[in-house]
Amino acid sequence: RNGLRFNLNKPPLILQNGLKENFADVQVSVVECPDLTRDPFDFPVKGICGKPRIADVGGQPYLLPLVQKDKVYDLNTVAKQIELPGAFILGAGAVSSRILGVNAEFIPVAQAESEEKPAVNASYTAQINPADGGCLLEKYSNKYSDCEFGLLANLYASQGQPGKVIEVKANGRTGQHNFVTCMRQIIEKCYGDKPVGIGGTFVIQKGKAKIHIMPPEFSACPLNTDEELNNWLRFFEMKAPLICQPVLISRDPVSLYFVFVYE
């Protein structure tokens, strides 16, 4: 397992200049991580610092063109495989349909088990509400006690400690790309063929966002094009405030995982 490690020398300046091409007002700075156990996050740890890692688990080939339901994973196992038992993990993925009985979005917010402590799973699921066809957001631990997920997940892991983080504030979108796409393109332009990742959390404080949720039933017909995929997905216009958990990579890495640090 070969990890690639980079120092992000001047990320605030890089991001500030890049985001100004797509947002009217941008402020980027290095700050102490806010206490994430407090509102609005209510995470089980105070921060997202300490031995950061990014893990891409599974992938779209397990969902498209036809689903492979046997592809299931566990957050505790992922933490051990990235050599960080007890890691705090956040990101986005798909649920294990064998646990829920349906397909749905998985929003991981969990501290994996360690020799000293059991796992704390504060994750959420987002699925189509069978009652009215709307979006149903539920806390995972209200119904389930495992840490299983399926098919694919983009995960950011750390020791969950306080520390220095990059704070980005952007208002007044003026361009075509969304916030996360802009961030990825900026990093790719700056670092070229070096795969660099960013993970964390942010809040959409005002406005609306167009967000998709996978249907409860997997497609019986192969989904071979973006048009077929978008016709299968359900899209919703969500009002702020919204807590988002982006995990992005500038380009596909060769190694199984890599680490980046800020100094």
C-alpha atoms as a PDB file:
ATOM      1  CA  ARG A   1       0.000   0.000   0.000  1.00  0.00           C
ATOM      2  CA  ASN A   2       1.774   3.099  -1.217  1.00  0.00           C
ATOM      3  CA  GLY A   3       0.453   6.361   0.177  1.00  0.00           C
ATOM      4  CA  LEU A   4       1.268   9.651  -1.546  1.00  0.00           C
ATOM      5  CA  ARG A   5       1.924  12.575   0.772  1.00  0.00           C
ATOM      6  CA  PHE A   6       1.939  16.259  -0.143  1.00  0.00           C
ATOM      7  CA  ASN A   7       2.288  19.538   1.696  1.00  0.00           C
ATOM      8  CA  LEU A   8      -0.247  22.132   0.568  1.00  0.00           C
ATOM      9  CA  ASN A   9       2.030  25.150   0.653  1.00  0.00           C
ATOM     10  CA  LYS A  10      -0.388  28.011  -0.017  1.00  0.00           C
ATOM     11  CA  PRO A  11      -3.922  26.586  -0.196  1.00  0.00           C
ATOM     12  CA  PRO A  12      -5.732  29.738   1.005  1.00  0.00           C
ATOM     13  CA  LEU A  13      -4.312  31.844  -1.843  1.00  0.00           C
ATOM     14  CA  ILE A  14      -4.866  29.093  -4.418  1.00  0.00           C
ATOM     15  CA  LEU A  15      -8.491  28.579  -3.420  1.00  0.00           C
ATOM     16  CA  GLN A  16      -9.261  32.272  -2.994  1.00  0.00           C
ATOM     17  CA  ASN A  17      -8.050  33.191  -6.472  1.00  0.00           C
ATOM     18  CA  GLY A  18      -9.769  30.220  -8.083  1.00  0.00           C
ATOM     19  CA  LEU A  19     -13.130  30.607  -6.363  1.00  0.00           C
ATOM     20  CA  LYS A  20     -13.325  34.298  -7.275  1.00  0.00           C
ATOM     21  CA  GLU A  21     -13.877  33.184 -10.858  1.00  0.00           C
ATOM     22  CA  ASN A  22     -17.188  31.610  -9.821  1.00  0.00           C
ATOM     23  CA  PHE A  23     -18.332  33.518  -6.714  1.00  0.00           C
ATOM     24  CA  ALA A  24     -18.763  37.233  -6.056  1.00  0.00           C
ATOM     25  CA  ASP A  25     -17.394  37.221  -2.502  1.00  0.00           C
ATOM     26  CA  VAL A  26     -14.734  34.758  -1.313  1.00  0.00           C
ATOM     27  CA  GLN A  27     -12.772  34.561   1.931  1.00  0.00           C
ATOM     28  CA  VAL A  28     -10.245  31.778   2.578  1.00  0.00           C
ATOM     29  CA  SER A  29      -8.113  31.501   5.702  1.00  0.00           C
ATOM     30  CA  VAL A  30      -6.435  29.048   8.060  1.00  0.00           C
ATOM     31  CA  VAL A  31      -8.274  28.848  11.394  1.00  0.00           C
ATOM     32  CA  GLU A  32      -8.710  26.583  14.378  1.00  0.00           C
ATOM     33  CA  CYS A  33     -11.315  23.936  13.638  1.00  0.00           C
ATOM     34  CA  PRO A  34     -14.624  24.863  15.286  1.00  0.00           C
ATOM     35  CA  ASP A  35     -16.011  22.485  17.898  1.00  0.00           C
ATOM     36  CA  LEU A  36     -17.940  20.054  15.708  1.00  0.00           C
ATOM     37  CA  THR A  37     -19.766  18.515  18.668  1.00  0.00           C
ATOM     38  CA  ARG A  38     -21.843  21.700  18.763  1.00  0.00           C
ATOM     39  CA  ASP A  39     -24.760  22.855  16.646  1.00  0.00           C
ATOM     40  CA  PRO A  40     -25.252  22.673  13.701  1.00  0.00           C
ATOM     41  CA  PHE A  41     -22.921  19.691  13.205  1.00  0.00           C
ATOM     42  CA  ASP A  42     -23.401  17.589  16.356  1.00  0.00           C
ATOM     43  CA  PHE A  43     -20.568  15.249  15.327  1.00  0.00           C
ATOM     44  CA  PRO A  44     -19.233  12.685  17.833  1.00  0.00           C
ATOM     45  CA  VAL A  45     -15.765  14.344  17.773  1.00  0.00           C
ATOM     46  CA  LYS A  46     -14.495  17.899  18.166  1.00  0.00           C
ATOM     47  CA  GLY A  47     -12.494  18.197  14.937  1.00  0.00           C
ATOM     48  CA  ILE A  48     -11.356  16.669  11.652  1.00  0.00           C
ATOM     49  CA  CYS A  49      -7.596  16.806  12.220  1.00  0.00           C
ATOM     50  CA  GLY A  50      -4.955  14.202  13.044  1.00  0.00           C
ATOM     51  CA  LYS A  51      -3.479  11.777  10.482  1.00  0.00           C
ATOM     52  CA  PRO A  52      -5.966  12.633   7.693  1.00  0.00           C
ATOM     53  CA  ARG A  53      -6.716  10.060   5.025  1.00  0.00           C
ATOM     54  CA  ILE A  54      -9.027   9.742   2.051  1.00  0.00           C
ATOM     55  CA  ALA A  55     -10.443   6.379   0.996  1.00  0.00           C
ATOM     56  CA  ASP A  56     -12.444   5.623  -2.131  1.00  0.00           C
ATOM     57  CA  VAL A  57     -14.300   2.398  -1.371  1.00  0.00           C
ATOM     58  CA  GLY A  58     -16.027   0.423  -4.108  1.00  0.00           C
ATOM     59  CA  GLY A  59     -17.130   2.556  -7.021  1.00  0.00           C
ATOM     60  CA  GLN A  60     -19.707   3.278  -9.700  1.00  0.00           C
ATOM     61  CA  PRO A  61     -18.963   0.017 -11.591  1.00  0.00           C
ATOM     62  CA  TYR A  62     -20.721  -1.754  -8.695  1.00  0.00           C
ATOM     63  CA  LEU A  63     -23.858   0.326  -9.338  1.00  0.00           C
ATOM     64  CA  LEU A  64     -23.727   0.853 -13.100  1.00  0.00           C
ATOM     65  CA  PRO A  65     -24.784  -0.389 -15.549  1.00  0.00           C
ATOM     66  CA  LEU A  66     -26.360  -3.016 -13.251  1.00  0.00           C
ATOM     67  CA  VAL A  67     -26.060  -3.258  -9.481  1.00  0.00           C
ATOM     68  CA  GLN A  68     -23.833  -5.774  -7.689  1.00  0.00           C
ATOM     69  CA  LYS A  69     -25.614  -6.133  -4.359  1.00  0.00           C
ATOM     70  CA  ASP A  70     -22.912  -8.377  -2.908  1.00  0.00           C
ATOM     71  CA  LYS A  71     -20.505  -5.428  -2.654  1.00  0.00           C
ATOM     72  CA  VAL A  72     -20.804  -4.531   1.032  1.00  0.00           C
ATOM     73  CA  TYR A  73     -18.306  -2.908   3.372  1.00  0.00           C
ATOM     74  CA  ASP A  74     -17.881  -1.849   6.994  1.00  0.00           C
ATOM     75  CA  LEU A  75     -16.582   1.453   8.352  1.00  0.00           C
ATOM     76  CA  ASN A  76     -14.680  -0.340  11.119  1.00  0.00           C
ATOM     77  CA  THR A  77     -12.863  -2.468   8.554  1.00  0.00           C
ATOM     78  CA  VAL A  78     -12.086   0.571   6.412  1.00  0.00           C
ATOM     79  CA  ALA A  79     -10.537   2.332   9.429  1.00  0.00           C
ATOM     80  CA  LYS A  80      -8.241  -0.634  10.053  1.00  0.00           C
ATOM     81  CA  GLN A  81      -7.276  -0.973   6.393  1.00  0.00           C
ATOM     82  CA  ILE A  82      -6.184   2.664   6.223  1.00  0.00           C
ATOM     83  CA  GLU A  83      -4.176   2.046   9.409  1.00  0.00           C
ATOM     84  CA  LEU A  84      -6.277   4.327  11.596  1.00  0.00           C
ATOM     85  CA  PRO A  85      -8.383   2.206  14.002  1.00  0.00           C
ATOM     86  CA  GLY A  86     -10.897   4.371  15.828  1.00  0.00           C
ATOM     87  CA  ALA A  87     -10.889   6.926  13.010  1.00  0.00           C
ATOM     88  CA  PHE A  88     -13.569   9.550  12.650  1.00  0.00           C
ATOM     89  CA  ILE A  89     -15.072   9.080   9.189  1.00  0.00           C
ATOM     90  CA  LEU A  90     -17.341  11.321   7.147  1.00  0.00           C
ATOM     91  CA  GLY A  91     -18.297  11.534   3.496  1.00  0.00           C
ATOM     92  CA  ALA A  92     -20.968  10.148   1.181  1.00  0.00           C
ATOM     93  CA  GLY A  93     -21.957   6.758  -0.174  1.00  0.00           C
ATOM     94  CA  ALA A  94     -24.713   4.184  -0.527  1.00  0.00           C
ATOM     95  CA  VAL A  95     -26.422   2.119   2.154  1.00  0.00           C
ATOM     96  CA  SER A  96     -26.214  -1.638   2.404  1.00  0.00           C
ATOM     97  CA  SER A  97     -29.473  -2.723   0.790  1.00  0.00           C
ATOM     98  CA  ARG A  98     -29.317  -6.048   2.631  1.00  0.00           C
ATOM     99  CA  ILE A  99     -29.607  -4.125   5.924  1.00  0.00           C
ATOM    100  CA  LEU A 100     -32.234  -1.549   4.918  1.00  0.00           C
ATOM    101  CA  GLY A 101     -34.077  -3.737   2.424  1.00  0.00           C
ATOM    102  CA  VAL A 102     -34.040  -0.854  -0.089  1.00  0.00           C
ATOM    103  CA  ASN A 103     -31.546   1.334  -1.893  1.00  0.00           C
ATOM    104  CA  ALA A 104     -30.727   4.739  -0.374  1.00  0.00           C
ATOM    105  CA  GLU A 105     -28.036   7.352   0.128  1.00  0.00           C
ATOM    106  CA  PHE A 106     -25.613   6.902   3.033  1.00  0.00           C
ATOM    107  CA  ILE A 107     -24.232   9.932   4.879  1.00  0.00           C
ATOM    108  CA  PRO A 108     -21.430   8.562   7.077  1.00  0.00           C
ATOM    109  CA  VAL A 109     -20.641  10.389  10.316  1.00  0.00           C
ATOM    110  CA  ALA A 110     -18.985   7.808  12.519  1.00  0.00           C
ATOM    111  CA  GLN A 111     -16.140   7.106  14.876  1.00  0.00           C
ATOM    112  CA  ALA A 112     -14.903   3.599  14.170  1.00  0.00           C
ATOM    113  CA  GLU A 113     -14.311   1.079  16.905  1.00  0.00           C
ATOM    114  CA  SER A 114     -10.934   0.758  18.602  1.00  0.00           C
ATOM    115  CA  GLU A 115      -9.461  -1.494  21.272  1.00  0.00           C
ATOM    116  CA  GLU A 116     -10.588   1.013  23.893  1.00  0.00           C
ATOM    117  CA  LYS A 117     -14.010   2.097  22.601  1.00  0.00           C
ATOM    118  CA  PRO A 118     -16.948   0.735  20.599  1.00  0.00           C
ATOM    119  CA  ALA A 119     -18.002   2.449  17.397  1.00  0.00           C
ATOM    120  CA  VAL A 120     -20.182   5.565  17.547  1.00  0.00           C
ATOM    121  CA  ASN A 121     -22.329   5.702  14.425  1.00  0.00           C
ATOM    122  CA  ALA A 122     -24.009   9.088  14.001  1.00  0.00           C
ATOM    123  CA  SER A 123     -24.594   8.552  10.274  1.00  0.00           C
ATOM    124  CA  TYR A 124     -27.765   9.346   8.341  1.00  0.00           C
ATOM    125  CA  THR A 125     -29.676   7.811   5.466  1.00  0.00           C
ATOM    126  CA  ALA A 126     -31.594   9.716   2.811  1.00  0.00           C
ATOM    127  CA  GLN A 127     -34.212   7.783   0.897  1.00  0.00           C
ATOM    128  CA  ILE A 128     -37.430   8.221  -1.013  1.00  0.00           C
ATOM    129  CA  ASN A 129     -40.319   8.442   1.426  1.00  0.00           C
ATOM    130  CA  PRO A 130     -42.761   5.648   0.493  1.00  0.00           C
ATOM    131  CA  ALA A 131     -45.621   7.719   1.919  1.00  0.00           C
ATOM    132  CA  ASP A 132     -45.358  10.779  -0.315  1.00  0.00           C
ATOM    133  CA  GLY A 133     -42.368  10.332  -2.648  1.00  0.00           C
ATOM    134  CA  GLY A 134     -40.412  13.071  -0.890  1.00  0.00           C
ATOM    135  CA  CYS A 135     -37.028  12.956   0.805  1.00  0.00           C
ATOM    136  CA  LEU A 136     -36.844  11.046   4.089  1.00  0.00           C
ATOM    137  CA  LEU A 137     -33.767  11.795   6.215  1.00  0.00           C
ATOM    138  CA  GLU A 138     -33.225   9.474   9.182  1.00  0.00           C
ATOM    139  CA  LYS A 139     -30.494   8.893  11.737  1.00  0.00           C
ATOM    140  CA  TYR A 140     -28.997   5.465  11.087  1.00  0.00           C
ATOM    141  CA  SER A 141     -28.624   4.483  14.748  1.00  0.00           C
ATOM    142  CA  ASN A 142     -32.352   4.977  15.361  1.00  0.00           C
ATOM    143  CA  LYS A 143     -32.968   1.684  13.551  1.00  0.00           C
ATOM    144  CA  TYR A 144     -29.628  -0.090  13.100  1.00  0.00           C
ATOM    145  CA  SER A 145     -26.572  -0.884  15.223  1.00  0.00           C
ATOM    146  CA  ASP A 146     -23.996  -1.848  12.571  1.00  0.00           C
ATOM    147  CA  CYS A 147     -21.519   0.201  10.498  1.00  0.00           C
ATOM    148  CA  GLU A 148     -22.192  -1.439   7.147  1.00  0.00           C
ATOM    149  CA  PHE A 149     -22.594   0.283   3.781  1.00  0.00           C
ATOM    150  CA  GLY A 150     -22.684  -0.864   0.182  1.00  0.00           C
ATOM    151  CA  LEU A 151     -21.486  -0.356  -3.382  1.00  0.00           C
ATOM    152  CA  LEU A 152     -19.425   2.811  -3.027  1.00  0.00           C
ATOM    153  CA  ALA A 153     -18.323   5.577  -0.688  1.00  0.00           C
ATOM    154  CA  ASN A 154     -16.005   8.584  -0.735  1.00  0.00           C
ATOM    155  CA  LEU A 155     -14.601   8.853   2.778  1.00  0.00           C
ATOM    156  CA  TYR A 156     -12.450  11.298   4.713  1.00  0.00           C
ATOM    157  CA  ALA A 157     -10.895   9.893   7.880  1.00  0.00           C
ATOM    158  CA  SER A 158      -8.907  11.449  10.705  1.00  0.00           C
ATOM    159  CA  GLN A 159      -8.319  11.138  14.435  1.00  0.00           C
ATOM    160  CA  GLY A 160     -11.157  13.602  14.996  1.00  0.00           C
ATOM    161  CA  GLN A 161      -8.948  16.070  16.819  1.00  0.00           C
ATOM    162  CA  PRO A 162      -8.979  19.880  16.966  1.00  0.00           C
ATOM    163  CA  GLY A 163      -6.360  21.628  14.855  1.00  0.00           C
ATOM    164  CA  LYS A 164      -5.754  23.947  11.936  1.00  0.00           C
ATOM    165  CA  VAL A 165      -8.215  23.770   9.035  1.00  0.00           C
ATOM    166  CA  ILE A 166      -8.865  25.768   5.888  1.00  0.00           C
ATOM    167  CA  GLU A 167     -12.019  27.863   6.236  1.00  0.00           C
ATOM    168  CA  VAL A 168     -13.724  28.836   2.991  1.00  0.00           C
ATOM    169  CA  LYS A 169     -16.582  31.326   2.742  1.00  0.00           C
ATOM    170  CA  ALA A 170     -18.195  31.904  -0.647  1.00  0.00           C
ATOM    171  CA  ASN A 171     -21.261  33.986  -1.504  1.00  0.00           C
ATOM    172  CA  GLY A 172     -23.062  35.006  -4.671  1.00  0.00           C
ATOM    173  CA  ARG A 173     -22.459  32.319  -7.268  1.00  0.00           C
ATOM    174  CA  THR A 174     -21.697  33.940 -10.614  1.00  0.00           C
ATOM    175  CA  GLY A 175     -20.500  30.970 -12.692  1.00  0.00           C
ATOM    176  CA  GLN A 176     -21.767  27.639 -13.948  1.00  0.00           C
ATOM    177  CA  HIS A 177     -20.010  25.313 -11.504  1.00  0.00           C
ATOM    178  CA  ASN A 178     -21.059  24.407  -7.977  1.00  0.00           C
ATOM    179  CA  PHE A 179     -18.813  24.953  -4.961  1.00  0.00           C
ATOM    180  CA  VAL A 180     -17.364  21.421  -4.793  1.00  0.00           C
ATOM    181  CA  THR A 181     -16.688  21.201  -8.536  1.00  0.00           C
ATOM    182  CA  CYS A 182     -14.874  24.541  -8.363  1.00  0.00           C
ATOM    183  CA  MET A 183     -12.678  23.316  -5.516  1.00  0.00           C
ATOM    184  CA  ARG A 184     -11.727  20.141  -7.384  1.00  0.00           C
ATOM    185  CA  GLN A 185     -10.908  21.984 -10.606  1.00  0.00           C
ATOM    186  CA  ILE A 186      -8.758  24.512  -8.743  1.00  0.00           C
ATOM    187  CA  ILE A 187      -6.709  21.778  -7.078  1.00  0.00           C
ATOM    188  CA  GLU A 188      -6.347  19.853 -10.340  1.00  0.00           C
ATOM    189  CA  LYS A 189      -5.135  22.963 -12.171  1.00  0.00           C
ATOM    190  CA  CYS A 190      -2.599  23.732  -9.451  1.00  0.00           C
ATOM    191  CA  TYR A 191      -1.163  20.264  -8.818  1.00  0.00           C
ATOM    192  CA  GLY A 192      -1.446  18.753 -12.294  1.00  0.00           C
ATOM    193  CA  ASP A 193      -0.839  15.010 -12.395  1.00  0.00           C
ATOM    194  CA  LYS A 194      -0.359  14.766  -8.612  1.00  0.00           C
ATOM    195  CA  PRO A 195      -3.555  13.384  -7.027  1.00  0.00           C
ATOM    196  CA  VAL A 196      -4.528  15.726  -4.181  1.00  0.00           C
ATOM    197  CA  GLY A 197      -7.639  15.378  -2.051  1.00  0.00           C
ATOM    198  CA  ILE A 198      -9.736  17.570   0.212  1.00  0.00           C
ATOM    199  CA  GLY A 199     -12.261  16.392   2.772  1.00  0.00           C
ATOM    200  CA  GLY A 200     -14.349  18.104   5.398  1.00  0.00           C
ATOM    201  CA  THR A 201     -17.708  19.696   5.976  1.00  0.00           C
ATOM    202  CA  PHE A 202     -19.457  22.963   5.162  1.00  0.00           C
ATOM    203  CA  VAL A 203     -22.854  24.569   5.621  1.00  0.00           C
ATOM    204  CA  ILE A 204     -25.058  26.055   2.926  1.00  0.00           C
ATOM    205  CA  GLN A 205     -26.500  28.886   5.003  1.00  0.00           C
ATOM    206  CA  LYS A 206     -28.780  30.541   2.446  1.00  0.00           C
ATOM    207  CA  GLY A 207     -30.454  29.630  -0.812  1.00  0.00           C
ATOM    208  CA  LYS A 208     -31.258  26.251  -2.332  1.00  0.00           C
ATOM    209  CA  ALA A 209     -29.390  23.240  -3.688  1.00  0.00           C
ATOM    210  CA  LYS A 210     -30.364  20.602  -6.245  1.00  0.00           C
ATOM    211  CA  ILE A 211     -29.607  17.210  -4.718  1.00  0.00           C
ATOM    212  CA  HIS A 212     -30.248  13.682  -5.982  1.00  0.00           C
ATOM    213  CA  ILE A 213     -31.449  10.610  -4.090  1.00  0.00           C
ATOM    214  CA  MET A 214     -31.286   7.109  -5.522  1.00  0.00           C
ATOM    215  CA  PRO A 215     -34.650   5.317  -5.863  1.00  0.00           C
ATOM    216  CA  PRO A 216     -35.451   2.486  -3.428  1.00  0.00           C
ATOM    217  CA  GLU A 217     -35.417  -0.072  -6.252  1.00  0.00           C
ATOM    218  CA  PHE A 218     -32.328  -0.648  -8.361  1.00  0.00           C
ATOM    219  CA  SER A 219     -32.748  -0.255 -12.097  1.00  0.00           C
ATOM    220  CA  ALA A 220     -33.710  -3.494 -13.844  1.00  0.00           C
ATOM    221  CA  CYS A 221     -32.443  -2.057 -17.133  1.00  0.00           C
ATOM    222  CA  PRO A 222     -28.748  -1.279 -17.647  1.00  0.00           C
ATOM    223  CA  LEU A 223     -27.860   2.384 -17.119  1.00  0.00           C
ATOM    224  CA  ASN A 224     -25.242   3.039 -19.781  1.00  0.00           C
ATOM    225  CA  THR A 225     -25.419   6.809 -20.278  1.00  0.00           C
ATOM    226  CA  ASP A 226     -25.577   9.916 -18.100  1.00  0.00           C
ATOM    227  CA  GLU A 227     -29.054  10.583 -19.470  1.00  0.00           C
ATOM    228  CA  GLU A 228     -30.281   7.140 -18.403  1.00  0.00           C
ATOM    229  CA  LEU A 229     -28.706   7.616 -14.973  1.00  0.00           C
ATOM    230  CA  ASN A 230     -30.291  11.039 -14.465  1.00  0.00           C
ATOM    231  CA  ASN A 231     -33.688   9.714 -15.528  1.00  0.00           C
ATOM    232  CA  TRP A 232     -33.374   6.993 -12.872  1.00  0.00           C
ATOM    233  CA  LEU A 233     -32.236   9.302 -10.064  1.00  0.00           C
ATOM    234  CA  ARG A 234     -34.714  11.485  -8.166  1.00  0.00           C
ATOM    235  CA  PHE A 235     -33.796  15.157  -7.866  1.00  0.00           C
ATOM    236  CA  PHE A 236     -34.945  17.510  -5.125  1.00  0.00           C
ATOM    237  CA  GLU A 237     -34.533  21.223  -4.507  1.00  0.00           C
ATOM    238  CA  MET A 238     -33.452  21.511  -0.881  1.00  0.00           C
ATOM    239  CA  LYS A 239     -33.650  24.707   1.134  1.00  0.00           C
ATOM    240  CA  ALA A 240     -30.851  25.919   3.410  1.00  0.00           C
ATOM    241  CA  PRO A 241     -29.477  25.307   5.938  1.00  0.00           C
ATOM    242  CA  LEU A 242     -27.794  22.152   4.645  1.00  0.00           C
ATOM    243  CA  ILE A 243     -24.746  20.397   6.107  1.00  0.00           C
ATOM    244  CA  CYS A 244     -22.542  18.957   3.359  1.00  0.00           C
ATOM    245  CA  GLN A 245     -19.645  16.497   3.615  1.00  0.00           C
ATOM    246  CA  PRO A 246     -17.520  16.746   0.466  1.00  0.00           C
ATOM    247  CA  VAL A 247     -14.642  14.393  -0.246  1.00  0.00           C
ATOM    248  CA  LEU A 248     -12.972  15.272  -3.523  1.00  0.00           C
ATOM    249  CA  ILE A 249      -9.880  14.165  -5.405  1.00  0.00           C
ATOM    250  CA  SER A 250      -8.219  16.167  -8.164  1.00  0.00           C
ATOM    251  CA  ARG A 251      -7.599  13.028 -10.242  1.00  0.00           C
ATOM    252  CA  ASP A 252      -7.702   9.265  -9.790  1.00  0.00           C
ATOM    253  CA  PRO A 253      -4.688   8.093  -7.758  1.00  0.00           C
ATOM    254  CA  VAL A 254      -2.781   4.927  -8.578  1.00  0.00           C
ATOM    255  CA  SER A 255      -2.478   3.896  -4.924  1.00  0.00           C
ATOM    256  CA  LEU A 256      -5.275   2.579  -2.744  1.00  0.00           C
ATOM    257  CA  TYR A 257      -5.223   5.672  -0.572  1.00  0.00           C
ATOM    258  CA  PHE A 258      -3.178   8.758   0.010  1.00  0.00           C
ATOM    259  CA  VAL A 259      -2.649  11.366   2.682  1.00  0.00           C
ATOM    260  CA  PHE A 260      -2.307  15.120   2.459  1.00  0.00           C
ATOM    261  CA  VAL A 261      -1.294  17.517   5.211  1.00  0.00           C
ATOM    262  CA  TYR A 262      -1.292  21.236   5.780  1.00  0.00           C
ATOM    263  CA  GLU A 263       1.835  22.850   7.212  1.00  0.00           C
END
